Amino acid sequence: MKQAIQKFRSVPSFRRSVVGITGAVVALAGTAAFADAVTDAQAALAVAQTGGESVGGSVVAVVCALAVVGVIIALVRKV
């Protein structure tokens, strides 16, 4: 009985190696298939960053203008 068990003990390790090799091949194929998508995503992020920086500058300018107006109104009320 022990000999029969030892005879089939190599099956799980073979199964694990087949699953591992298959997983590695699928992962490698997946990265090659999505290479164009990664490039497109990086380009879109660069464009979005530029747009976000310009909007951020406008928001800072508006907040500064409102702060100046608030200070002027406070000074006029004291007089």
PDB file of N, CA and C in Angstrom:
ATOM      1  N   MET A   1       0.814  -1.179   0.000  1.00  0.00           N
ATOM      2  CA  MET A   1       0.000   0.000   0.000  1.00  0.00           C
ATOM      3  C   MET A   1       0.868   1.258   0.000  1.00  0.00           C
ATOM      4  N   LYS A   2       1.939   1.241   0.798  1.00  0.00           N
ATOM      5  CA  LYS A   2       2.820   2.398   0.841  1.00  0.00           C
ATOM      6  C   LYS A   2       3.487   2.632  -0.504  1.00  0.00           C
ATOM      7  N   GLN A   3       3.781   1.560  -1.206  1.00  0.00           N
ATOM      8  CA  GLN A   3       4.394   1.708  -2.522  1.00  0.00           C
ATOM      9  C   GLN A   3       3.422   2.361  -3.497  1.00  0.00           C
ATOM     10  N   ALA A   4       2.158   2.036  -3.397  1.00  0.00           N
ATOM     11  CA  ALA A   4       1.159   2.646  -4.273  1.00  0.00           C
ATOM     12  C   ALA A   4       1.021   4.135  -3.977  1.00  0.00           C
ATOM     13  N   ILE A   5       1.067   4.483  -2.698  1.00  0.00           N
ATOM     14  CA  ILE A   5       0.971   5.894  -2.320  1.00  0.00           C
ATOM     15  C   ILE A   5       2.190   6.651  -2.827  1.00  0.00           C
ATOM     16  N   GLN A   6       3.373   6.095  -2.668  1.00  0.00           N
ATOM     17  CA  GLN A   6       4.582   6.747  -3.145  1.00  0.00           C
ATOM     18  C   GLN A   6       4.584   6.870  -4.659  1.00  0.00           C
ATOM     19  N   LYS A   7       3.963   5.930  -5.315  1.00  0.00           N
ATOM     20  CA  LYS A   7       3.911   5.956  -6.772  1.00  0.00           C
ATOM     21  C   LYS A   7       3.109   7.161  -7.273  1.00  0.00           C
ATOM     22  N   PHE A   8       2.074   7.543  -6.543  1.00  0.00           N
ATOM     23  CA  PHE A   8       1.210   8.625  -6.992  1.00  0.00           C
ATOM     24  C   PHE A   8       1.489   9.954  -6.297  1.00  0.00           C
ATOM     25  N   ARG A   9       2.490  10.016  -5.466  1.00  0.00           N
ATOM     26  CA  ARG A   9       2.810  11.272  -4.794  1.00  0.00           C
ATOM     27  C   ARG A   9       3.385  12.300  -5.756  1.00  0.00           C
ATOM     28  N   SER A  10       3.955  11.886  -6.839  1.00  0.00           N
ATOM     29  CA  SER A  10       4.523  12.838  -7.786  1.00  0.00           C
ATOM     30  C   SER A  10       3.448  13.539  -8.604  1.00  0.00           C
ATOM     31  N   VAL A  11       2.222  13.035  -8.581  1.00  0.00           N
ATOM     32  CA  VAL A  11       1.149  13.643  -9.372  1.00  0.00           C
ATOM     33  C   VAL A  11       0.838  15.060  -8.915  1.00  0.00           C
ATOM     34  N   PRO A  12       0.657  15.333  -7.608  1.00  0.00           N
ATOM     35  CA  PRO A  12       0.373  16.709  -7.214  1.00  0.00           C
ATOM     36  C   PRO A  12       1.500  17.674  -7.567  1.00  0.00           C
ATOM     37  N   SER A  13       2.746  17.249  -7.429  1.00  0.00           N
ATOM     38  CA  SER A  13       3.838  18.149  -7.778  1.00  0.00           C
ATOM     39  C   SER A  13       3.862  18.404  -9.278  1.00  0.00           C
ATOM     40  N   PHE A  14       3.549  17.388 -10.076  1.00  0.00           N
ATOM     41  CA  PHE A  14       3.466  17.588 -11.520  1.00  0.00           C
ATOM     42  C   PHE A  14       2.320  18.539 -11.845  1.00  0.00           C
ATOM     43  N   ARG A  15       1.202  18.363 -11.165  1.00  0.00           N
ATOM     44  CA  ARG A  15       0.046  19.228 -11.392  1.00  0.00           C
ATOM     45  C   ARG A  15       0.388  20.664 -11.021  1.00  0.00           C
ATOM     46  N   ARG A  16       1.085  20.843  -9.913  1.00  0.00           N
ATOM     47  CA  ARG A  16       1.474  22.191  -9.494  1.00  0.00           C
ATOM     48  C   ARG A  16       2.414  22.836 -10.502  1.00  0.00           C
ATOM     49  N   SER A  17       3.347  22.046 -11.019  1.00  0.00           N
ATOM     50  CA  SER A  17       4.277  22.613 -11.998  1.00  0.00           C
ATOM     51  C   SER A  17       3.553  22.979 -13.286  1.00  0.00           C
ATOM     52  N   VAL A  18       2.594  22.155 -13.711  1.00  0.00           N
ATOM     53  CA  VAL A  18       1.829  22.484 -14.921  1.00  0.00           C
ATOM     54  C   VAL A  18       1.007  23.747 -14.702  1.00  0.00           C
ATOM     55  N   VAL A  19       0.380  23.858 -13.544  1.00  0.00           N
ATOM     56  CA  VAL A  19      -0.408  25.056 -13.246  1.00  0.00           C
ATOM     57  C   VAL A  19       0.498  26.281 -13.178  1.00  0.00           C
ATOM     58  N   GLY A  20       1.666  26.139 -12.580  1.00  0.00           N
ATOM     59  CA  GLY A  20       2.599  27.257 -12.499  1.00  0.00           C
ATOM     60  C   GLY A  20       3.100  27.705 -13.857  1.00  0.00           C
ATOM     61  N   ILE A  21       3.454  26.759 -14.694  1.00  0.00           N
ATOM     62  CA  ILE A  21       3.937  27.102 -16.037  1.00  0.00           C
ATOM     63  C   ILE A  21       2.823  27.753 -16.845  1.00  0.00           C
ATOM     64  N   THR A  22       1.616  27.196 -16.754  1.00  0.00           N
ATOM     65  CA  THR A  22       0.486  27.772 -17.481  1.00  0.00           C
ATOM     66  C   THR A  22       0.199  29.188 -16.995  1.00  0.00           C
ATOM     67  N   GLY A  23       0.248  29.397 -15.702  1.00  0.00           N
ATOM     68  CA  GLY A  23       0.025  30.737 -15.160  1.00  0.00           C
ATOM     69  C   GLY A  23       1.072  31.727 -15.624  1.00  0.00           C
ATOM     70  N   ALA A  24       2.323  31.297 -15.665  1.00  0.00           N
ATOM     71  CA  ALA A  24       3.388  32.187 -16.126  1.00  0.00           C
ATOM     72  C   ALA A  24       3.212  32.547 -17.594  1.00  0.00           C
ATOM     73  N   VAL A  25       2.841  31.574 -18.407  1.00  0.00           N
ATOM     74  CA  VAL A  25       2.642  31.841 -19.840  1.00  0.00           C
ATOM     75  C   VAL A  25       1.471  32.791 -20.045  1.00  0.00           C
ATOM     76  N   VAL A  26       0.386  32.585 -19.310  1.00  0.00           N
ATOM     77  CA  VAL A  26      -0.782  33.458 -19.441  1.00  0.00           C
ATOM     78  C   VAL A  26      -0.445  34.873 -18.980  1.00  0.00           C
ATOM     79  N   ALA A  27       0.314  35.000 -17.900  1.00  0.00           N
ATOM     80  CA  ALA A  27       0.693  36.322 -17.412  1.00  0.00           C
ATOM     81  C   ALA A  27       1.588  37.037 -18.411  1.00  0.00           C
ATOM     82  N   LEU A  28       2.509  36.319 -19.006  1.00  0.00           N
ATOM     83  CA  LEU A  28       3.391  36.925 -19.997  1.00  0.00           C
ATOM     84  C   LEU A  28       2.604  37.368 -21.217  1.00  0.00           C
ATOM     85  N   ALA A  29       1.671  36.547 -21.664  1.00  0.00           N
ATOM     86  CA  ALA A  29       0.846  36.912 -22.816  1.00  0.00           C
ATOM     87  C   ALA A  29      -0.058  38.093 -22.477  1.00  0.00           C
ATOM     88  N   GLY A  30      -0.536  38.146 -21.243  1.00  0.00           N
ATOM     89  CA  GLY A  30      -1.401  39.248 -20.832  1.00  0.00           C
ATOM     90  C   GLY A  30      -0.679  40.574 -20.807  1.00  0.00           C
ATOM     91  N   THR A  31       0.567  40.577 -20.356  1.00  0.00           N
ATOM     92  CA  THR A  31       1.305  41.832 -20.328  1.00  0.00           C
ATOM     93  C   THR A  31       1.623  42.310 -21.730  1.00  0.00           C
ATOM     94  N   ALA A  32       1.875  41.407 -22.641  1.00  0.00           N
ATOM     95  CA  ALA A  32       2.143  41.810 -24.018  1.00  0.00           C
ATOM     96  C   ALA A  32       0.881  42.333 -24.684  1.00  0.00           C
ATOM     97  N   ALA A  33      -0.262  41.769 -24.348  1.00  0.00           N
ATOM     98  CA  ALA A  33      -1.514  42.191 -24.973  1.00  0.00           C
ATOM     99  C   ALA A  33      -1.938  43.572 -24.494  1.00  0.00           C
ATOM    100  N   PHE A  34      -1.606  43.932 -23.258  1.00  0.00           N
ATOM    101  CA  PHE A  34      -2.039  45.211 -22.718  1.00  0.00           C
ATOM    102  C   PHE A  34      -0.963  46.291 -22.790  1.00  0.00           C
ATOM    103  N   ALA A  35       0.092  46.077 -23.538  1.00  0.00           N
ATOM    104  CA  ALA A  35       1.153  47.077 -23.640  1.00  0.00           C
ATOM    105  C   ALA A  35       0.632  48.352 -24.297  1.00  0.00           C
ATOM    106  N   ASP A  36      -0.203  48.215 -25.322  1.00  0.00           N
ATOM    107  CA  ASP A  36      -0.766  49.392 -25.980  1.00  0.00           C
ATOM    108  C   ASP A  36      -1.717  50.138 -25.050  1.00  0.00           C
ATOM    109  N   ALA A  37      -2.473  49.409 -24.265  1.00  0.00           N
ATOM    110  CA  ALA A  37      -3.409  50.040 -23.334  1.00  0.00           C
ATOM    111  C   ALA A  37      -2.659  50.847 -22.276  1.00  0.00           C
ATOM    112  N   VAL A  38      -1.527  50.341 -21.837  1.00  0.00           N
ATOM    113  CA  VAL A  38      -0.730  51.056 -20.836  1.00  0.00           C
ATOM    114  C   VAL A  38      -0.191  52.351 -21.428  1.00  0.00           C
ATOM    115  N   THR A  39       0.283  52.302 -22.666  1.00  0.00           N
ATOM    116  CA  THR A  39       0.799  53.499 -23.322  1.00  0.00           C
ATOM    117  C   THR A  39      -0.302  54.538 -23.492  1.00  0.00           C
ATOM    118  N   ASP A  40      -1.486  54.095 -23.917  1.00  0.00           N
ATOM    119  CA  ASP A  40      -2.612  55.013 -24.077  1.00  0.00           C
ATOM    120  C   ASP A  40      -3.029  55.614 -22.739  1.00  0.00           C
ATOM    121  N   ALA A  41      -3.017  54.820 -21.693  1.00  0.00           N
ATOM    122  CA  ALA A  41      -3.398  55.315 -20.368  1.00  0.00           C
ATOM    123  C   ALA A  41      -2.397  56.347 -19.860  1.00  0.00           C
ATOM    124  N   GLN A  42      -1.119  56.119 -20.106  1.00  0.00           N
ATOM    125  CA  GLN A  42      -0.106  57.086 -19.673  1.00  0.00           C
ATOM    126  C   GLN A  42      -0.265  58.408 -20.411  1.00  0.00           C
ATOM    127  N   ALA A  43      -0.576  58.342 -21.704  1.00  0.00           N
ATOM    128  CA  ALA A  43      -0.794  59.569 -22.471  1.00  0.00           C
ATOM    129  C   ALA A  43      -2.022  60.314 -21.957  1.00  0.00           C
ATOM    130  N   ALA A  44      -3.093  59.586 -21.659  1.00  0.00           N
ATOM    131  CA  ALA A  44      -4.310  60.219 -21.142  1.00  0.00           C
ATOM    132  C   ALA A  44      -4.064  60.848 -19.776  1.00  0.00           C
ATOM    133  N   LEU A  45      -3.270  60.194 -18.941  1.00  0.00           N
ATOM    134  CA  LEU A  45      -2.950  60.758 -17.626  1.00  0.00           C
ATOM    135  C   LEU A  45      -2.122  62.035 -17.751  1.00  0.00           C
ATOM    136  N   ALA A  46      -1.222  62.080 -18.715  1.00  0.00           N
ATOM    137  CA  ALA A  46      -0.416  63.285 -18.923  1.00  0.00           C
ATOM    138  C   ALA A  46      -1.303  64.456 -19.339  1.00  0.00           C
ATOM    139  N   VAL A  47      -2.258  64.192 -20.237  1.00  0.00           N
ATOM    140  CA  VAL A  47      -3.178  65.245 -20.673  1.00  0.00           C
ATOM    141  C   VAL A  47      -4.050  65.701 -19.504  1.00  0.00           C
ATOM    142  N   ALA A  48      -4.539  64.760 -18.713  1.00  0.00           N
ATOM    143  CA  ALA A  48      -5.385  65.103 -17.567  1.00  0.00           C
ATOM    144  C   ALA A  48      -4.611  65.894 -16.524  1.00  0.00           C
ATOM    145  N   GLN A  49      -3.334  65.566 -16.342  1.00  0.00           N
ATOM    146  CA  GLN A  49      -2.523  66.296 -15.373  1.00  0.00           C
ATOM    147  C   GLN A  49      -2.347  67.741 -15.816  1.00  0.00           C
ATOM    148  N   THR A  50      -2.111  67.951 -17.100  1.00  0.00           N
ATOM    149  CA  THR A  50      -1.957  69.312 -17.611  1.00  0.00           C
ATOM    150  C   THR A  50      -3.244  70.099 -17.413  1.00  0.00           C
ATOM    151  N   GLY A  51      -4.381  69.479 -17.725  1.00  0.00           N
ATOM    152  CA  GLY A  51      -5.668  70.147 -17.530  1.00  0.00           C
ATOM    153  C   GLY A  51      -5.938  70.438 -16.064  1.00  0.00           C
ATOM    154  N   GLY A  52      -5.591  69.514 -15.194  1.00  0.00           N
ATOM    155  CA  GLY A  52      -5.795  69.713 -13.764  1.00  0.00           C
ATOM    156  C   GLY A  52      -4.941  70.835 -13.207  1.00  0.00           C
ATOM    157  N   GLU A  53      -3.725  70.966 -13.701  1.00  0.00           N
ATOM    158  CA  GLU A  53      -2.851  72.038 -13.233  1.00  0.00           C
ATOM    159  C   GLU A  53      -3.382  73.398 -13.659  1.00  0.00           C
ATOM    160  N   SER A  54      -3.926  73.500 -14.876  1.00  0.00           N
ATOM    161  CA  SER A  54      -4.461  74.784 -15.322  1.00  0.00           C
ATOM    162  C   SER A  54      -5.713  75.151 -14.531  1.00  0.00           C
ATOM    163  N   VAL A  55      -6.580  74.175 -14.256  1.00  0.00           N
ATOM    164  CA  VAL A  55      -7.776  74.442 -13.450  1.00  0.00           C
ATOM    165  C   VAL A  55      -7.378  74.785 -12.022  1.00  0.00           C
ATOM    166  N   GLY A  56      -6.382  74.114 -11.495  1.00  0.00           N
ATOM    167  CA  GLY A  56      -5.915  74.409 -10.143  1.00  0.00           C
ATOM    168  C   GLY A  56      -5.385  75.828 -10.019  1.00  0.00           C
ATOM    169  N   GLY A  57      -4.671  76.283 -11.032  1.00  0.00           N
ATOM    170  CA  GLY A  57      -4.178  77.663 -11.030  1.00  0.00           C
ATOM    171  C   GLY A  57      -5.315  78.663 -11.028  1.00  0.00           C
ATOM    172  N   SER A  58      -6.362  78.376 -11.778  1.00  0.00           N
ATOM    173  CA  SER A  58      -7.530  79.264 -11.817  1.00  0.00           C
ATOM    174  C   SER A  58      -8.230  79.299 -10.461  1.00  0.00           C
ATOM    175  N   VAL A  59      -8.344  78.155  -9.818  1.00  0.00           N
ATOM    176  CA  VAL A  59      -8.993  78.094  -8.502  1.00  0.00           C
ATOM    177  C   VAL A  59      -8.194  78.893  -7.478  1.00  0.00           C
ATOM    178  N   VAL A  60      -6.891  78.778  -7.508  1.00  0.00           N
ATOM    179  CA  VAL A  60      -6.047  79.534  -6.575  1.00  0.00           C
ATOM    180  C   VAL A  60      -6.198  81.030  -6.819  1.00  0.00           C
ATOM    181  N   ALA A  61      -6.255  81.442  -8.075  1.00  0.00           N
ATOM    182  CA  ALA A  61      -6.415  82.861  -8.396  1.00  0.00           C
ATOM    183  C   ALA A  61      -7.756  83.386  -7.889  1.00  0.00           C
ATOM    184  N   VAL A  62      -8.826  82.623  -8.058  1.00  0.00           N
ATOM    185  CA  VAL A  62     -10.149  83.055  -7.594  1.00  0.00           C
ATOM    186  C   VAL A  62     -10.183  83.148  -6.074  1.00  0.00           C
ATOM    187  N   VAL A  63      -9.593  82.184  -5.387  1.00  0.00           N
ATOM    188  CA  VAL A  63      -9.576  82.217  -3.919  1.00  0.00           C
ATOM    189  C   VAL A  63      -8.780  83.413  -3.420  1.00  0.00           C
ATOM    190  N   CYS A  64      -7.666  83.715  -4.056  1.00  0.00           N
ATOM    191  CA  CYS A  64      -6.872  84.887  -3.664  1.00  0.00           C
ATOM    192  C   CYS A  64      -7.653  86.175  -3.900  1.00  0.00           C
ATOM    193  N   ALA A  65      -8.356  86.249  -5.031  1.00  0.00           N
ATOM    194  CA  ALA A  65      -9.155  87.438  -5.323  1.00  0.00           C
ATOM    195  C   ALA A  65     -10.255  87.613  -4.280  1.00  0.00           C
ATOM    196  N   LEU A  66     -10.923  86.526  -3.899  1.00  0.00           N
ATOM    197  CA  LEU A  66     -11.969  86.618  -2.880  1.00  0.00           C
ATOM    198  C   LEU A  66     -11.389  87.021  -1.528  1.00  0.00           C
ATOM    199  N   ALA A  67     -10.206  86.564  -1.208  1.00  0.00           N
ATOM    200  CA  ALA A  67      -9.565  86.946   0.051  1.00  0.00           C
ATOM    201  C   ALA A  67      -9.247  88.437   0.059  1.00  0.00           C
ATOM    202  N   VAL A  68      -8.759  88.951  -1.057  1.00  0.00           N
ATOM    203  CA  VAL A  68      -8.448  90.383  -1.155  1.00  0.00           C
ATOM    204  C   VAL A  68      -9.728  91.200  -1.028  1.00  0.00           C
ATOM    205  N   VAL A  69     -10.791  90.767  -1.700  1.00  0.00           N
ATOM    206  CA  VAL A  69     -12.070  91.480  -1.604  1.00  0.00           C
ATOM    207  C   VAL A  69     -12.575  91.453  -0.165  1.00  0.00           C
ATOM    208  N   GLY A  70     -12.431  90.331   0.517  1.00  0.00           N
ATOM    209  CA  GLY A  70     -12.852  90.243   1.914  1.00  0.00           C
ATOM    210  C   GLY A  70     -12.070  91.183   2.809  1.00  0.00           C
ATOM    211  N   VAL A  71     -10.771  91.304   2.583  1.00  0.00           N
ATOM    212  CA  VAL A  71      -9.946  92.217   3.378  1.00  0.00           C
ATOM    213  C   VAL A  71     -10.357  93.657   3.109  1.00  0.00           C
ATOM    214  N   ILE A  72     -10.614  93.996   1.853  1.00  0.00           N
ATOM    215  CA  ILE A  72     -11.020  95.367   1.503  1.00  0.00           C
ATOM    216  C   ILE A  72     -12.362  95.696   2.154  1.00  0.00           C
ATOM    217  N   ILE A  73     -13.310  94.770   2.105  1.00  0.00           N
ATOM    218  CA  ILE A  73     -14.617  95.008   2.723  1.00  0.00           C
ATOM    219  C   ILE A  73     -14.459  95.178   4.234  1.00  0.00           C
ATOM    220  N   ALA A  74     -13.606  94.385   4.863  1.00  0.00           N
ATOM    221  CA  ALA A  74     -13.379  94.508   6.305  1.00  0.00           C
ATOM    222  C   ALA A  74     -12.768  95.862   6.645  1.00  0.00           C
ATOM    223  N   LEU A  75     -11.853  96.355   5.819  1.00  0.00           N
ATOM    224  CA  LEU A  75     -11.233  97.663   6.064  1.00  0.00           C
ATOM    225  C   LEU A  75     -12.245  98.786   5.880  1.00  0.00           C
ATOM    226  N   VAL A  76     -13.116  98.669   4.884  1.00  0.00           N
ATOM    227  CA  VAL A  76     -14.114  99.711   4.633  1.00  0.00           C
ATOM    228  C   VAL A  76     -15.125  99.756   5.782  1.00  0.00           C
ATOM    229  N   ARG A  77     -15.493  98.629   6.345  1.00  0.00           N
ATOM    230  CA  ARG A  77     -16.457  98.598   7.448  1.00  0.00           C
ATOM    231  C   ARG A  77     -15.887  99.247   8.709  1.00  0.00           C
ATOM    232  N   LYS A  78     -14.587  99.130   8.925  1.00  0.00           N
ATOM    233  CA  LYS A  78     -13.982  99.716  10.120  1.00  0.00           C
ATOM    234  C   LYS A  78     -13.958 101.241  10.031  1.00  0.00           C
ATOM    235  N   VAL A  79     -13.895 101.777   8.839  1.00  0.00           N
ATOM    236  CA  VAL A  79     -13.782 103.234   8.659  1.00  0.00           C
ATOM    237  C   VAL A  79     -15.109 103.856   8.755  1.00  0.00           C
TER     238      VAL A  79
END
